[in-house]
Protein backbone atom coordinates (compact mmCIF):
# COMPACT_ATOMS: atom_id res chain seq x y z
CA MET A 1 0.95 -11.53 44.26
CA ALA A 2 0.97 -7.90 43.10
CA GLU A 3 1.05 -6.71 46.70
CA ALA A 4 4.04 -8.91 47.53
CA ALA A 5 5.92 -7.74 44.42
CA CYS A 6 5.26 -4.09 45.25
CA ARG A 7 6.18 -4.56 48.91
CA GLU A 8 9.50 -6.13 47.85
CA ARG A 9 10.24 -3.11 45.66
CA GLY A 10 9.15 -0.62 48.29
CA ILE A 11 6.31 0.87 46.28
CA PRO A 12 2.63 1.19 47.17
CA ALA A 13 0.38 -1.72 46.23
CA PRO A 14 -2.10 -1.16 43.39
CA ALA A 15 -5.78 -0.73 44.12
CA GLU A 16 -8.16 -3.64 43.46
CA ALA A 17 -9.76 -1.69 40.58
CA GLU A 18 -6.34 -1.20 38.97
CA ILE A 19 -5.56 -4.92 39.23
CA ALA A 20 -8.98 -5.83 37.80
CA GLY A 21 -8.47 -3.43 34.88
CA CYS A 22 -5.07 -4.92 34.11
CA GLN A 23 -6.50 -8.43 34.22
CA GLU A 24 -9.24 -7.51 31.74
CA ARG A 25 -6.72 -5.91 29.36
CA SER A 26 -4.52 -8.99 29.68
CA ARG A 27 -7.43 -11.29 28.79
CA ALA A 28 -8.20 -9.19 25.71
CA ASP A 29 -4.51 -9.11 24.70
CA LEU A 30 -4.18 -12.88 25.13
CA ALA A 31 -7.26 -13.50 22.98
CA ALA A 32 -5.82 -11.27 20.25
CA ILE A 33 -2.43 -13.00 20.42
CA ARG A 34 -4.07 -16.42 20.10
CA ARG A 35 -6.03 -15.30 17.04
CA LEU A 36 -2.94 -13.82 15.40
CA ARG A 37 -0.89 -16.97 16.04
CA LEU A 38 -3.36 -19.27 14.28
CA PRO A 39 -2.09 -18.66 10.72
CA ARG A 40 1.51 -19.01 11.84
CA ASN A 41 0.83 -22.29 13.62
CA MET A 42 -1.18 -23.65 10.70
CA LEU A 43 1.22 -22.62 7.94
CA ALA A 44 4.65 -22.94 9.58
CA ARG A 45 5.32 -26.52 8.46
CA LEU A 46 4.03 -25.88 4.93
CA LEU A 47 6.23 -22.80 4.62
CA GLU A 48 9.31 -24.58 5.92
CA VAL A 49 8.86 -27.48 3.49
CA GLY A 50 8.17 -25.05 0.63
CA ILE A 51 11.37 -23.14 1.30
CA ALA A 52 13.38 -26.37 1.49
CA LEU A 53 11.90 -27.54 -1.83
CA ASP A 54 12.70 -24.19 -3.43
CA ARG A 55 16.30 -24.41 -2.24
CA ALA A 56 16.53 -28.00 -3.52
CA ALA A 57 15.21 -26.91 -6.93
CA TYR A 58 17.84 -24.14 -7.02
CA LEU A 59 20.59 -26.68 -6.35
CA LEU A 60 19.24 -29.12 -8.94
CA GLU A 61 19.13 -26.36 -11.57
CA ARG A 62 22.84 -25.84 -11.00
CA GLY A 63 23.69 -29.49 -11.52
CA LEU A 64 24.02 -30.48 -7.89
CA SER A 65 22.15 -33.24 -6.11
CA ALA A 66 19.58 -32.37 -3.49
CA ARG A 67 17.78 -34.49 -0.96
CA ILE A 68 15.21 -33.44 1.62
CA ALA A 69 14.43 -35.49 4.72
CA GLU A 70 13.31 -35.16 8.29
CA ALA A 71 16.35 -34.76 10.50
CA PHE A 72 14.67 -36.13 13.63
CA SER A 73 11.28 -36.76 15.19
CA ASP A 74 8.65 -34.02 15.36
CA THR A 75 8.49 -34.57 19.10
CA ALA A 76 12.04 -33.28 19.46
CA SER A 77 11.40 -30.14 17.41
CA PRO A 78 8.98 -29.14 14.66
CA ARG A 79 11.92 -27.53 12.80
CA ASN A 80 13.33 -30.79 11.48
CA ILE A 81 13.65 -30.40 7.70
CA LEU A 82 17.07 -31.38 6.41
CA LEU A 83 18.42 -30.43 2.98
CA VAL A 84 21.53 -32.33 1.86
CA SER A 85 23.37 -31.45 -1.32
CA GLY A 86 26.48 -32.56 -3.09
CA PRO A 87 28.19 -32.72 -6.47
C-alpha cells in the first residue's frame, strides 16, 4: 500500500526497514492511546450526569424548575442527557 501511495505521488517507495519501523511505532502509539482513553471512556457518562445535576441544582436555587431525563436511546448516542427548565 505504501508503494502504491508513493508511486501515485511520484516519490520513491520507502524501504522495508522503514515501513517496519513505522509499524512498530504505530503499535506503540496505539497501545498508549488505548490506555489514555480508558479513564475518559469509563468516566464520560458519570461526568455528563454530574454536570447536568449541577446545572439543575443551580436552576433550582434560583426558583426555577429543573428536570433531567434521557433524550433518546443510548444506541443513538451516548450524549443523551436532557435538562429541561421553566418558571
